[in-house]
Amino acid sequence: NNLSIICADISMAAEYAHIDDRAYAIIKDYTPGAFTFLLRAGR
């Protein structure tokens, strides 16, 4: 099953998921908001 995490901000999310420049721009524009963004898992 897909699992999701709630992060306080993009900086916290970037510690656990790969966020490239394009993804960062989209997430920045639409958060905080009612979205779940599927991202490549981080280490």
PDB file of all heavy atoms in Angstrom:
ATOM      1  N   ASN A   1       0.821  -1.202   0.000  1.00  0.00           N
ATOM      2  CA  ASN A   1       0.000   0.000   0.000  1.00  0.00           C
ATOM      3  C   ASN A   1       0.862   1.262   0.000  1.00  0.00           C
ATOM      4  O   ASN A   1       1.927   1.287   0.611  1.00  0.00           O
ATOM      5  CB  ASN A   1      -0.919   0.023   1.233  1.00  0.00           C
ATOM      6  CG  ASN A   1      -1.933  -1.100   1.236  1.00  0.00           C
ATOM      7  OD1 ASN A   1      -1.831  -2.031   2.031  1.00  0.00           O
ATOM      8  ND2 ASN A   1      -2.910  -1.038   0.353  1.00  0.00           N
ATOM      9  N   ASN A   2       0.379   2.273  -0.693  1.00  0.00           N
ATOM     10  CA  ASN A   2       1.082   3.552  -0.678  1.00  0.00           C
ATOM     11  C   ASN A   2       0.989   4.194   0.701  1.00  0.00           C
ATOM     12  O   ASN A   2      -0.067   4.177   1.336  1.00  0.00           O
ATOM     13  CB  ASN A   2       0.492   4.500  -1.727  1.00  0.00           C
ATOM     14  CG  ASN A   2       0.815   4.076  -3.134  1.00  0.00           C
ATOM     15  OD1 ASN A   2       1.889   3.556  -3.394  1.00  0.00           O
ATOM     16  ND2 ASN A   2      -0.104   4.304  -4.059  1.00  0.00           N
ATOM     17  N   LEU A   3       2.086   4.723   1.168  1.00  0.00           N
ATOM     18  CA  LEU A   3       2.128   5.393   2.459  1.00  0.00           C
ATOM     19  C   LEU A   3       2.474   6.861   2.239  1.00  0.00           C
ATOM     20  O   LEU A   3       3.239   7.205   1.336  1.00  0.00           O
ATOM     21  CB  LEU A   3       3.172   4.742   3.368  1.00  0.00           C
ATOM     22  CG  LEU A   3       2.943   3.267   3.728  1.00  0.00           C
ATOM     23  CD1 LEU A   3       4.118   2.733   4.541  1.00  0.00           C
ATOM     24  CD2 LEU A   3       1.635   3.088   4.493  1.00  0.00           C
ATOM     25  N   SER A   4       1.900   7.711   3.085  1.00  0.00           N
ATOM     26  CA  SER A   4       2.132   9.142   2.949  1.00  0.00           C
ATOM     27  C   SER A   4       2.651   9.730   4.250  1.00  0.00           C
ATOM     28  O   SER A   4       2.365   9.226   5.335  1.00  0.00           O
ATOM     29  CB  SER A   4       0.838   9.864   2.560  1.00  0.00           C
ATOM     30  OG  SER A   4       0.383   9.446   1.293  1.00  0.00           O
ATOM     31  N   ILE A   5       3.415  10.809   4.106  1.00  0.00           N
ATOM     32  CA  ILE A   5       3.908  11.520   5.269  1.00  0.00           C
ATOM     33  C   ILE A   5       3.425  12.962   5.227  1.00  0.00           C
ATOM     34  O   ILE A   5       3.265  13.541   4.155  1.00  0.00           O
ATOM     35  CB  ILE A   5       5.450  11.486   5.355  1.00  0.00           C
ATOM     36  CG1 ILE A   5       6.100  12.021   4.072  1.00  0.00           C
ATOM     37  CG2 ILE A   5       5.932  10.070   5.666  1.00  0.00           C
ATOM     38  CD1 ILE A   5       7.626  12.112   4.129  1.00  0.00           C
ATOM     39  N   ILE A   6       3.148  13.501   6.412  1.00  0.00           N
ATOM     40  CA  ILE A   6       2.828  14.914   6.554  1.00  0.00           C
ATOM     41  C   ILE A   6       4.084  15.622   7.012  1.00  0.00           C
ATOM     42  O   ILE A   6       4.693  15.252   8.013  1.00  0.00           O
ATOM     43  CB  ILE A   6       1.689  15.136   7.569  1.00  0.00           C
ATOM     44  CG1 ILE A   6       0.353  14.625   7.004  1.00  0.00           C
ATOM     45  CG2 ILE A   6       1.579  16.618   7.942  1.00  0.00           C
ATOM     46  CD1 ILE A   6      -0.807  14.733   7.979  1.00  0.00           C
ATOM     47  N   CYS A   7       4.472  16.653   6.273  1.00  0.00           N
ATOM     48  CA  CYS A   7       5.665  17.443   6.594  1.00  0.00           C
ATOM     49  C   CYS A   7       5.262  18.869   6.933  1.00  0.00           C
ATOM     50  O   CYS A   7       4.254  19.373   6.440  1.00  0.00           O
ATOM     51  CB  CYS A   7       6.645  17.444   5.423  1.00  0.00           C
ATOM     52  SG  CYS A   7       7.289  15.806   4.995  1.00  0.00           S
ATOM     53  N   ALA A   8       6.070  19.505   7.754  1.00  0.00           N
ATOM     54  CA  ALA A   8       5.781  20.880   8.152  1.00  0.00           C
ATOM     55  C   ALA A   8       6.013  21.860   7.015  1.00  0.00           C
ATOM     56  O   ALA A   8       5.372  22.914   6.952  1.00  0.00           O
ATOM     57  CB  ALA A   8       6.625  21.262   9.361  1.00  0.00           C
ATOM     58  N   ASP A   9       6.951  21.523   6.112  1.00  0.00           N
ATOM     59  CA  ASP A   9       7.292  22.422   5.016  1.00  0.00           C
ATOM     60  C   ASP A   9       8.098  21.655   3.968  1.00  0.00           C
ATOM     61  O   ASP A   9       8.371  20.455   4.136  1.00  0.00           O
ATOM     62  CB  ASP A   9       8.082  23.632   5.520  1.00  0.00           C
ATOM     63  CG  ASP A   9       9.253  23.249   6.416  1.00  0.00           C
ATOM     64  OD1 ASP A   9       9.895  22.215   6.158  1.00  0.00           O
ATOM     65  OD2 ASP A   9       9.524  23.984   7.380  1.00  0.00           O
ATOM     66  N   ILE A  10       8.475  22.342   2.905  1.00  0.00           N
ATOM     67  CA  ILE A  10       9.209  21.688   1.821  1.00  0.00           C
ATOM     68  C   ILE A  10      10.589  21.239   2.295  1.00  0.00           C
ATOM     69  O   ILE A  10      11.092  20.197   1.882  1.00  0.00           O
ATOM     70  CB  ILE A  10       9.326  22.615   0.598  1.00  0.00           C
ATOM     71  CG1 ILE A  10       7.942  23.003   0.075  1.00  0.00           C
ATOM     72  CG2 ILE A  10      10.096  21.914  -0.534  1.00  0.00           C
ATOM     73  CD1 ILE A  10       7.978  23.966  -1.104  1.00  0.00           C
ATOM     74  N   SER A  11      11.211  22.021   3.154  1.00  0.00           N
ATOM     75  CA  SER A  11      12.540  21.655   3.643  1.00  0.00           C
ATOM     76  C   SER A  11      12.513  20.308   4.352  1.00  0.00           C
ATOM     77  O   SER A  11      13.397  19.472   4.150  1.00  0.00           O
ATOM     78  CB  SER A  11      13.075  22.733   4.589  1.00  0.00           C
ATOM     79  OG  SER A  11      13.307  23.941   3.897  1.00  0.00           O
ATOM     80  N   MET A  12      11.496  20.081   5.169  1.00  0.00           N
ATOM     81  CA  MET A  12      11.365  18.791   5.843  1.00  0.00           C
ATOM     82  C   MET A  12      11.113  17.688   4.824  1.00  0.00           C
ATOM     83  O   MET A  12      11.705  16.602   4.901  1.00  0.00           O
ATOM     84  CB  MET A  12      10.238  18.822   6.873  1.00  0.00           C
ATOM     85  CG  MET A  12      10.059  17.521   7.645  1.00  0.00           C
ATOM     86  SD  MET A  12       8.698  17.564   8.857  1.00  0.00           S
ATOM     87  CE  MET A  12       9.399  18.633  10.115  1.00  0.00           C
ATOM     88  N   ALA A  13      10.251  17.957   3.844  1.00  0.00           N
ATOM     89  CA  ALA A  13       9.950  16.954   2.821  1.00  0.00           C
ATOM     90  C   ALA A  13      11.199  16.558   2.051  1.00  0.00           C
ATOM     91  O   ALA A  13      11.392  15.384   1.714  1.00  0.00           O
ATOM     92  CB  ALA A  13       8.883  17.487   1.865  1.00  0.00           C
ATOM     93  N   ALA A  14      12.071  17.537   1.793  1.00  0.00           N
ATOM     94  CA  ALA A  14      13.272  17.276   1.001  1.00  0.00           C
ATOM     95  C   ALA A  14      14.264  16.368   1.715  1.00  0.00           C
ATOM     96  O   ALA A  14      15.154  15.798   1.077  1.00  0.00           O
ATOM     97  CB  ALA A  14      13.953  18.590   0.637  1.00  0.00           C
ATOM     98  N   GLU A  15      14.110  16.195   3.019  1.00  0.00           N
ATOM     99  CA  GLU A  15      14.979  15.284   3.762  1.00  0.00           C
ATOM    100  C   GLU A  15      14.589  13.826   3.523  1.00  0.00           C
ATOM    101  O   GLU A  15      15.392  12.924   3.762  1.00  0.00           O
ATOM    102  CB  GLU A  15      14.914  15.588   5.253  1.00  0.00           C
ATOM    103  CG  GLU A  15      15.446  16.950   5.641  1.00  0.00           C
ATOM    104  CD  GLU A  15      15.384  17.171   7.140  1.00  0.00           C
ATOM    105  OE1 GLU A  15      15.529  16.180   7.892  1.00  0.00           O
ATOM    106  OE2 GLU A  15      15.164  18.316   7.563  1.00  0.00           O
ATOM    107  N   TYR A  16      13.367  13.610   3.053  1.00  0.00           N
ATOM    108  CA  TYR A  16      12.853  12.243   2.925  1.00  0.00           C
ATOM    109  C   TYR A  16      12.410  11.882   1.512  1.00  0.00           C
ATOM    110  O   TYR A  16      12.030  10.747   1.254  1.00  0.00           O
ATOM    111  CB  TYR A  16      11.687  12.047   3.910  1.00  0.00           C
ATOM    112  CG  TYR A  16      12.115  12.255   5.332  1.00  0.00           C
ATOM    113  CD1 TYR A  16      12.035  13.519   5.923  1.00  0.00           C
ATOM    114  CD2 TYR A  16      12.645  11.214   6.075  1.00  0.00           C
ATOM    115  CE1 TYR A  16      12.461  13.732   7.222  1.00  0.00           C
ATOM    116  CE2 TYR A  16      13.075  11.420   7.378  1.00  0.00           C
ATOM    117  CZ  TYR A  16      12.987  12.673   7.941  1.00  0.00           C
ATOM    118  OH  TYR A  16      13.424  12.880   9.236  1.00  0.00           O
ATOM    119  N   ALA A  17      12.431  12.842   0.594  1.00  0.00           N
ATOM    120  CA  ALA A  17      12.026  12.589  -0.793  1.00  0.00           C
ATOM    121  C   ALA A  17      12.915  13.402  -1.721  1.00  0.00           C
ATOM    122  O   ALA A  17      13.450  14.450  -1.340  1.00  0.00           O
ATOM    123  CB  ALA A  17      10.562  12.970  -0.995  1.00  0.00           C
ATOM    124  N   HIS A  18      13.065  12.905  -2.943  1.00  0.00           N
ATOM    125  CA  HIS A  18      13.839  13.628  -3.951  1.00  0.00           C
ATOM    126  C   HIS A  18      12.949  14.690  -4.589  1.00  0.00           C
ATOM    127  O   HIS A  18      11.940  14.365  -5.210  1.00  0.00           O
ATOM    128  CB  HIS A  18      14.352  12.660  -5.018  1.00  0.00           C
ATOM    129  CG  HIS A  18      15.394  11.705  -4.522  1.00  0.00           C
ATOM    130  ND1 HIS A  18      16.687  12.093  -4.247  1.00  0.00           N
ATOM    131  CD2 HIS A  18      15.321  10.384  -4.240  1.00  0.00           C
ATOM    132  CE1 HIS A  18      17.380  11.053  -3.823  1.00  0.00           C
ATOM    133  NE2 HIS A  18      16.580   9.997  -3.805  1.00  0.00           N
ATOM    134  N   ILE A  19      13.344  15.947  -4.445  1.00  0.00           N
ATOM    135  CA  ILE A  19      12.569  17.056  -5.000  1.00  0.00           C
ATOM    136  C   ILE A  19      13.481  17.868  -5.915  1.00  0.00           C
ATOM    137  O   ILE A  19      14.360  18.594  -5.438  1.00  0.00           O
ATOM    138  CB  ILE A  19      11.999  17.946  -3.880  1.00  0.00           C
ATOM    139  CG1 ILE A  19      11.128  17.117  -2.920  1.00  0.00           C
ATOM    140  CG2 ILE A  19      11.178  19.090  -4.480  1.00  0.00           C
ATOM    141  CD1 ILE A  19      10.580  17.909  -1.745  1.00  0.00           C
ATOM    142  N   ASP A  20      13.275  17.719  -7.216  1.00  0.00           N
ATOM    143  CA  ASP A  20      14.093  18.498  -8.147  1.00  0.00           C
ATOM    144  C   ASP A  20      13.492  19.888  -8.326  1.00  0.00           C
ATOM    145  O   ASP A  20      12.481  20.237  -7.695  1.00  0.00           O
ATOM    146  CB  ASP A  20      14.255  17.766  -9.480  1.00  0.00           C
ATOM    147  CG  ASP A  20      12.934  17.515 -10.198  1.00  0.00           C
ATOM    148  OD1 ASP A  20      11.957  18.265  -9.947  1.00  0.00           O
ATOM    149  OD2 ASP A  20      12.866  16.595 -11.027  1.00  0.00           O
ATOM    150  N   ASP A  21      14.113  20.695  -9.166  1.00  0.00           N
ATOM    151  CA  ASP A  21      13.691  22.091  -9.298  1.00  0.00           C
ATOM    152  C   ASP A  21      12.249  22.226  -9.762  1.00  0.00           C
ATOM    153  O   ASP A  21      11.493  23.071  -9.259  1.00  0.00           O
ATOM    154  CB  ASP A  21      14.619  22.829 -10.269  1.00  0.00           C
ATOM    155  CG  ASP A  21      16.018  23.031  -9.705  1.00  0.00           C
ATOM    156  OD1 ASP A  21      16.183  22.865  -8.477  1.00  0.00           O
ATOM    157  OD2 ASP A  21      16.936  23.351 -10.483  1.00  0.00           O
ATOM    158  N   ARG A  22      11.851  21.406 -10.751  1.00  0.00           N
ATOM    159  CA  ARG A  22      10.490  21.481 -11.281  1.00  0.00           C
ATOM    160  C   ARG A  22       9.477  21.059 -10.226  1.00  0.00           C
ATOM    161  O   ARG A  22       8.462  21.728 -10.011  1.00  0.00           O
ATOM    162  CB  ARG A  22      10.372  20.601 -12.522  1.00  0.00           C
ATOM    163  CG  ARG A  22       8.961  20.430 -13.082  1.00  0.00           C
ATOM    164  CD  ARG A  22       8.344  21.739 -13.524  1.00  0.00           C
ATOM    165  NE  ARG A  22       7.063  21.507 -14.166  1.00  0.00           N
ATOM    166  CZ  ARG A  22       6.081  22.402 -14.209  1.00  0.00           C
ATOM    167  NH1 ARG A  22       6.243  23.595 -13.671  1.00  0.00           N
ATOM    168  NH2 ARG A  22       4.937  22.125 -14.813  1.00  0.00           N
ATOM    169  N   ALA A  23       9.768  19.961  -9.530  1.00  0.00           N
ATOM    170  CA  ALA A  23       8.870  19.503  -8.476  1.00  0.00           C
ATOM    171  C   ALA A  23       8.781  20.542  -7.359  1.00  0.00           C
ATOM    172  O   ALA A  23       7.697  20.806  -6.822  1.00  0.00           O
ATOM    173  CB  ALA A  23       9.346  18.160  -7.925  1.00  0.00           C
ATOM    174  N   TYR A  24       9.922  21.133  -7.022  1.00  0.00           N
ATOM    175  CA  TYR A  24       9.943  22.156  -5.970  1.00  0.00           C
ATOM    176  C   TYR A  24       9.026  23.325  -6.340  1.00  0.00           C
ATOM    177  O   TYR A  24       8.255  23.814  -5.496  1.00  0.00           O
ATOM    178  CB  TYR A  24      11.369  22.661  -5.761  1.00  0.00           C
ATOM    179  CG  TYR A  24      11.480  23.744  -4.706  1.00  0.00           C
ATOM    180  CD1 TYR A  24      11.700  23.424  -3.368  1.00  0.00           C
ATOM    181  CD2 TYR A  24      11.341  25.084  -5.052  1.00  0.00           C
ATOM    182  CE1 TYR A  24      11.784  24.424  -2.404  1.00  0.00           C
ATOM    183  CE2 TYR A  24      11.418  26.087  -4.099  1.00  0.00           C
ATOM    184  CZ  TYR A  24      11.642  25.747  -2.778  1.00  0.00           C
ATOM    185  OH  TYR A  24      11.720  26.740  -1.832  1.00  0.00           O
ATOM    186  N   ALA A  25       9.096  23.763  -7.583  1.00  0.00           N
ATOM    187  CA  ALA A  25       8.277  24.895  -8.017  1.00  0.00           C
ATOM    188  C   ALA A  25       6.788  24.575  -7.900  1.00  0.00           C
ATOM    189  O   ALA A  25       5.984  25.413  -7.460  1.00  0.00           O
ATOM    190  CB  ALA A  25       8.631  25.271  -9.451  1.00  0.00           C
ATOM    191  N   ILE A  26       6.400  23.355  -8.297  1.00  0.00           N
ATOM    192  CA  ILE A  26       4.989  22.966  -8.225  1.00  0.00           C
ATOM    193  C   ILE A  26       4.545  22.880  -6.774  1.00  0.00           C
ATOM    194  O   ILE A  26       3.484  23.409  -6.396  1.00  0.00           O
ATOM    195  CB  ILE A  26       4.765  21.621  -8.941  1.00  0.00           C
ATOM    196  CG1 ILE A  26       4.995  21.780 -10.449  1.00  0.00           C
ATOM    197  CG2 ILE A  26       3.358  21.086  -8.670  1.00  0.00           C
ATOM    198  CD1 ILE A  26       4.996  20.476 -11.215  1.00  0.00           C
ATOM    199  N   ILE A  27       5.341  22.213  -5.938  1.00  0.00           N
ATOM    200  CA  ILE A  27       4.968  22.056  -4.528  1.00  0.00           C
ATOM    201  C   ILE A  27       4.886  23.417  -3.849  1.00  0.00           C
ATOM    202  O   ILE A  27       3.970  23.682  -3.061  1.00  0.00           O
ATOM    203  CB  ILE A  27       5.972  21.133  -3.808  1.00  0.00           C
ATOM    204  CG1 ILE A  27       5.893  19.719  -4.393  1.00  0.00           C
ATOM    205  CG2 ILE A  27       5.690  21.086  -2.309  1.00  0.00           C
ATOM    206  CD1 ILE A  27       7.002  18.797  -3.919  1.00  0.00           C
ATOM    207  N   LYS A  28       5.823  24.294  -4.155  1.00  0.00           N
ATOM    208  CA  LYS A  28       5.825  25.635  -3.556  1.00  0.00           C
ATOM    209  C   LYS A  28       4.564  26.403  -3.924  1.00  0.00           C
ATOM    210  O   LYS A  28       3.978  27.108  -3.084  1.00  0.00           O
ATOM    211  CB  LYS A  28       7.061  26.409  -4.003  1.00  0.00           C
ATOM    212  CG  LYS A  28       7.232  27.772  -3.340  1.00  0.00           C
ATOM    213  CD  LYS A  28       8.534  28.410  -3.769  1.00  0.00           C
ATOM    214  CE  LYS A  28       8.775  29.731  -3.036  1.00  0.00           C
ATOM    215  NZ  LYS A  28       7.750  30.746  -3.362  1.00  0.00           N
ATOM    216  N   ASP A  29       4.124  26.266  -5.172  1.00  0.00           N
ATOM    217  CA  ASP A  29       2.944  26.994  -5.633  1.00  0.00           C
ATOM    218  C   ASP A  29       1.650  26.477  -5.018  1.00  0.00           C
ATOM    219  O   ASP A  29       0.679  27.234  -4.901  1.00  0.00           O
ATOM    220  CB  ASP A  29       2.830  26.917  -7.158  1.00  0.00           C
ATOM    221  CG  ASP A  29       3.815  27.843  -7.870  1.00  0.00           C
ATOM    222  OD1 ASP A  29       4.374  28.736  -7.203  1.00  0.00           O
ATOM    223  OD2 ASP A  29       4.024  27.651  -9.081  1.00  0.00           O
ATOM    224  N   TYR A  30       1.619  25.195  -4.645  1.00  0.00           N
ATOM    225  CA  TYR A  30       0.351  24.583  -4.245  1.00  0.00           C
ATOM    226  C   TYR A  30       0.323  24.095  -2.795  1.00  0.00           C
ATOM    227  O   TYR A  30      -0.593  23.367  -2.417  1.00  0.00           O
ATOM    228  CB  TYR A  30       0.010  23.432  -5.198  1.00  0.00           C
ATOM    229  CG  TYR A  30      -0.381  23.918  -6.567  1.00  0.00           C
ATOM    230  CD1 TYR A  30       0.544  23.949  -7.609  1.00  0.00           C
ATOM    231  CD2 TYR A  30      -1.671  24.378  -6.822  1.00  0.00           C
ATOM    232  CE1 TYR A  30       0.186  24.404  -8.876  1.00  0.00           C
ATOM    233  CE2 TYR A  30      -2.036  24.835  -8.077  1.00  0.00           C
ATOM    234  CZ  TYR A  30      -1.098  24.848  -9.092  1.00  0.00           C
ATOM    235  OH  TYR A  30      -1.475  25.314 -10.339  1.00  0.00           O
ATOM    236  N   THR A  31       1.290  24.506  -2.012  1.00  0.00           N
ATOM    237  CA  THR A  31       1.253  24.159  -0.593  1.00  0.00           C
ATOM    238  C   THR A  31       1.438  25.418   0.243  1.00  0.00           C
ATOM    239  O   THR A  31       2.074  26.380  -0.208  1.00  0.00           O
ATOM    240  CB  THR A  31       2.348  23.137  -0.218  1.00  0.00           C
ATOM    241  OG1 THR A  31       3.641  23.670  -0.521  1.00  0.00           O
ATOM    242  CG2 THR A  31       2.143  21.832  -0.935  1.00  0.00           C
ATOM    243  N   PRO A  32       0.836  25.431   1.449  1.00  0.00           N
ATOM    244  CA  PRO A  32       0.010  24.354   1.994  1.00  0.00           C
ATOM    245  C   PRO A  32      -1.278  24.187   1.175  1.00  0.00           C
ATOM    246  O   PRO A  32      -1.840  25.180   0.729  1.00  0.00           O
ATOM    247  CB  PRO A  32      -0.300  24.831   3.415  1.00  0.00           C
ATOM    248  CG  PRO A  32       0.746  25.853   3.733  1.00  0.00           C
ATOM    249  CD  PRO A  32       1.035  26.525   2.421  1.00  0.00           C
ATOM    250  N   GLY A  33      -1.706  22.965   1.028  1.00  0.00           N
ATOM    251  CA  GLY A  33      -2.888  22.708   0.232  1.00  0.00           C
ATOM    252  C   GLY A  33      -3.303  21.251   0.280  1.00  0.00           C
ATOM    253  O   GLY A  33      -2.593  20.400   0.816  1.00  0.00           O
ATOM    254  N   ALA A  34      -4.471  20.970  -0.302  1.00  0.00           N
ATOM    255  CA  ALA A  34      -5.085  19.644  -0.237  1.00  0.00           C
ATOM    256  C   ALA A  34      -4.542  18.731  -1.334  1.00  0.00           C
ATOM    257  O   ALA A  34      -5.276  18.266  -2.218  1.00  0.00           O
ATOM    258  CB  ALA A  34      -6.598  19.762  -0.340  1.00  0.00           C
ATOM    259  N   PHE A  35      -3.244  18.493  -1.284  1.00  0.00           N
ATOM    260  CA  PHE A  35      -2.580  17.674  -2.295  1.00  0.00           C
ATOM    261  C   PHE A  35      -1.688  16.635  -1.622  1.00  0.00           C
ATOM    262  O   PHE A  35      -1.085  16.892  -0.584  1.00  0.00           O
ATOM    263  CB  PHE A  35      -1.712  18.540  -3.216  1.00  0.00           C
ATOM    264  CG  PHE A  35      -2.476  19.592  -3.947  1.00  0.00           C
ATOM    265  CD1 PHE A  35      -2.563  20.876  -3.435  1.00  0.00           C
ATOM    266  CD2 PHE A  35      -3.128  19.299  -5.136  1.00  0.00           C
ATOM    267  CE1 PHE A  35      -3.268  21.857  -4.092  1.00  0.00           C
ATOM    268  CE2 PHE A  35      -3.846  20.280  -5.806  1.00  0.00           C
ATOM    269  CZ  PHE A  35      -3.925  21.558  -5.281  1.00  0.00           C
ATOM    270  N   THR A  36      -1.603  15.480  -2.259  1.00  0.00           N
ATOM    271  CA  THR A  36      -0.586  14.482  -1.927  1.00  0.00           C
ATOM    272  C   THR A  36       0.311  14.372  -3.147  1.00  0.00           C
ATOM    273  O   THR A  36      -0.153  14.031  -4.237  1.00  0.00           O
ATOM    274  CB  THR A  36      -1.203  13.110  -1.613  1.00  0.00           C
ATOM    275  OG1 THR A  36      -2.070  13.229  -0.482  1.00  0.00           O
ATOM    276  CG2 THR A  36      -0.115  12.087  -1.304  1.00  0.00           C
ATOM    277  N   PHE A  37       1.581  14.685  -2.975  1.00  0.00           N
ATOM    278  CA  PHE A  37       2.532  14.631  -4.086  1.00  0.00           C
ATOM    279  C   PHE A  37       3.334  13.337  -4.005  1.00  0.00           C
ATOM    280  O   PHE A  37       3.971  13.061  -2.977  1.00  0.00           O
ATOM    281  CB  PHE A  37       3.478  15.833  -4.035  1.00  0.00           C
ATOM    282  CG  PHE A  37       2.783  17.143  -4.264  1.00  0.00           C
ATOM    283  CD1 PHE A  37       2.501  17.989  -3.206  1.00  0.00           C
ATOM    284  CD2 PHE A  37       2.398  17.517  -5.545  1.00  0.00           C
ATOM    285  CE1 PHE A  37       1.857  19.205  -3.420  1.00  0.00           C
ATOM    286  CE2 PHE A  37       1.745  18.731  -5.773  1.00  0.00           C
ATOM    287  CZ  PHE A  37       1.473  19.577  -4.705  1.00  0.00           C
ATOM    288  N   LEU A  38       3.271  12.553  -5.068  1.00  0.00           N
ATOM    289  CA  LEU A  38       4.063  11.330  -5.138  1.00  0.00           C
ATOM    290  C   LEU A  38       5.453  11.689  -5.638  1.00  0.00           C
ATOM    291  O   LEU A  38       5.601  12.267  -6.717  1.00  0.00           O
ATOM    292  CB  LEU A  38       3.409  10.314  -6.076  1.00  0.00           C
ATOM    293  CG  LEU A  38       2.003   9.844  -5.707  1.00  0.00           C
ATOM    294  CD1 LEU A  38       1.509   8.819  -6.727  1.00  0.00           C
ATOM    295  CD2 LEU A  38       1.974   9.258  -4.301  1.00  0.00           C
ATOM    296  N   LEU A  39       6.448  11.345  -4.835  1.00  0.00           N
ATOM    297  CA  LEU A  39       7.831  11.691  -5.147  1.00  0.00           C
ATOM    298  C   LEU A  39       8.712  10.463  -5.007  1.00  0.00           C
ATOM    299  O   LEU A  39       8.351   9.481  -4.347  1.00  0.00           O
ATOM    300  CB  LEU A  39       8.320  12.780  -4.187  1.00  0.00           C
ATOM    301  CG  LEU A  39       7.599  14.126  -4.282  1.00  0.00           C
ATOM    302  CD1 LEU A  39       7.787  14.927  -3.008  1.00  0.00           C
ATOM    303  CD2 LEU A  39       8.106  14.914  -5.490  1.00  0.00           C
ATOM    304  N   ARG A  40       9.881  10.528  -5.627  1.00  0.00           N
ATOM    305  CA  ARG A  40      10.825   9.429  -5.466  1.00  0.00           C
ATOM    306  C   ARG A  40      11.343   9.412  -4.030  1.00  0.00           C
ATOM    307  O   ARG A  40      11.686  10.447  -3.469  1.00  0.00           O
ATOM    308  CB  ARG A  40      11.982   9.569  -6.458  1.00  0.00           C
ATOM    309  CG  ARG A  40      11.569   9.296  -7.904  1.00  0.00           C
ATOM    310  CD  ARG A  40      12.761   9.342  -8.857  1.00  0.00           C
ATOM    311  NE  ARG A  40      13.292  10.695  -8.985  1.00  0.00           N
ATOM    312  CZ  ARG A  40      14.543  11.038  -8.706  1.00  0.00           C
ATOM    313  NH1 ARG A  40      15.411  10.133  -8.287  1.00  0.00           N
ATOM    314  NH2 ARG A  40      14.945  12.287  -8.861  1.00  0.00           N
ATOM    315  N   ALA A  41      11.376   8.227  -3.456  1.00  0.00           N
ATOM    316  CA  ALA A  41      11.742   8.086  -2.044  1.00  0.00           C
ATOM    317  C   ALA A  41      13.199   8.453  -1.803  1.00  0.00           C
ATOM    318  O   ALA A  41      14.077   8.151  -2.618  1.00  0.00           O
ATOM    319  CB  ALA A  41      11.475   6.658  -1.576  1.00  0.00           C
ATOM    320  N   GLY A  42      13.459   9.088  -0.686  1.00  0.00           N
ATOM    321  CA  GLY A  42      14.818   9.419  -0.282  1.00  0.00           C
ATOM    322  C   GLY A  42      15.389   8.362   0.644  1.00  0.00           C
ATOM    323  O   GLY A  42      14.674   7.487   1.148  1.00  0.00           O
ATOM    324  N   ARG A  43      16.670   8.461   0.902  1.00  0.00           N
ATOM    325  CA  ARG A  43      17.350   7.454   1.713  1.00  0.00           C
ATOM    326  C   ARG A  43      16.991   7.523   3.196  1.00  0.00           C
ATOM    327  O   ARG A  43      17.175   6.547   3.928  1.00  0.00           O
ATOM    328  CB  ARG A  43      18.863   7.599   1.552  1.00  0.00           C
ATOM    329  CG  ARG A  43      19.365   7.269   0.149  1.00  0.00           C
ATOM    330  CD  ARG A  43      20.878   7.391   0.076  1.00  0.00           C
ATOM    331  NE  ARG A  43      21.376   7.049  -1.247  1.00  0.00           N
ATOM    332  CZ  ARG A  43      22.658   7.082  -1.583  1.00  0.00           C
ATOM    333  NH1 ARG A  43      23.562   7.450  -0.684  1.00  0.00           N
ATOM    334  NH2 ARG A  43      23.030   6.750  -2.811  1.00  0.00           N
TER     335      ARG A  43
END
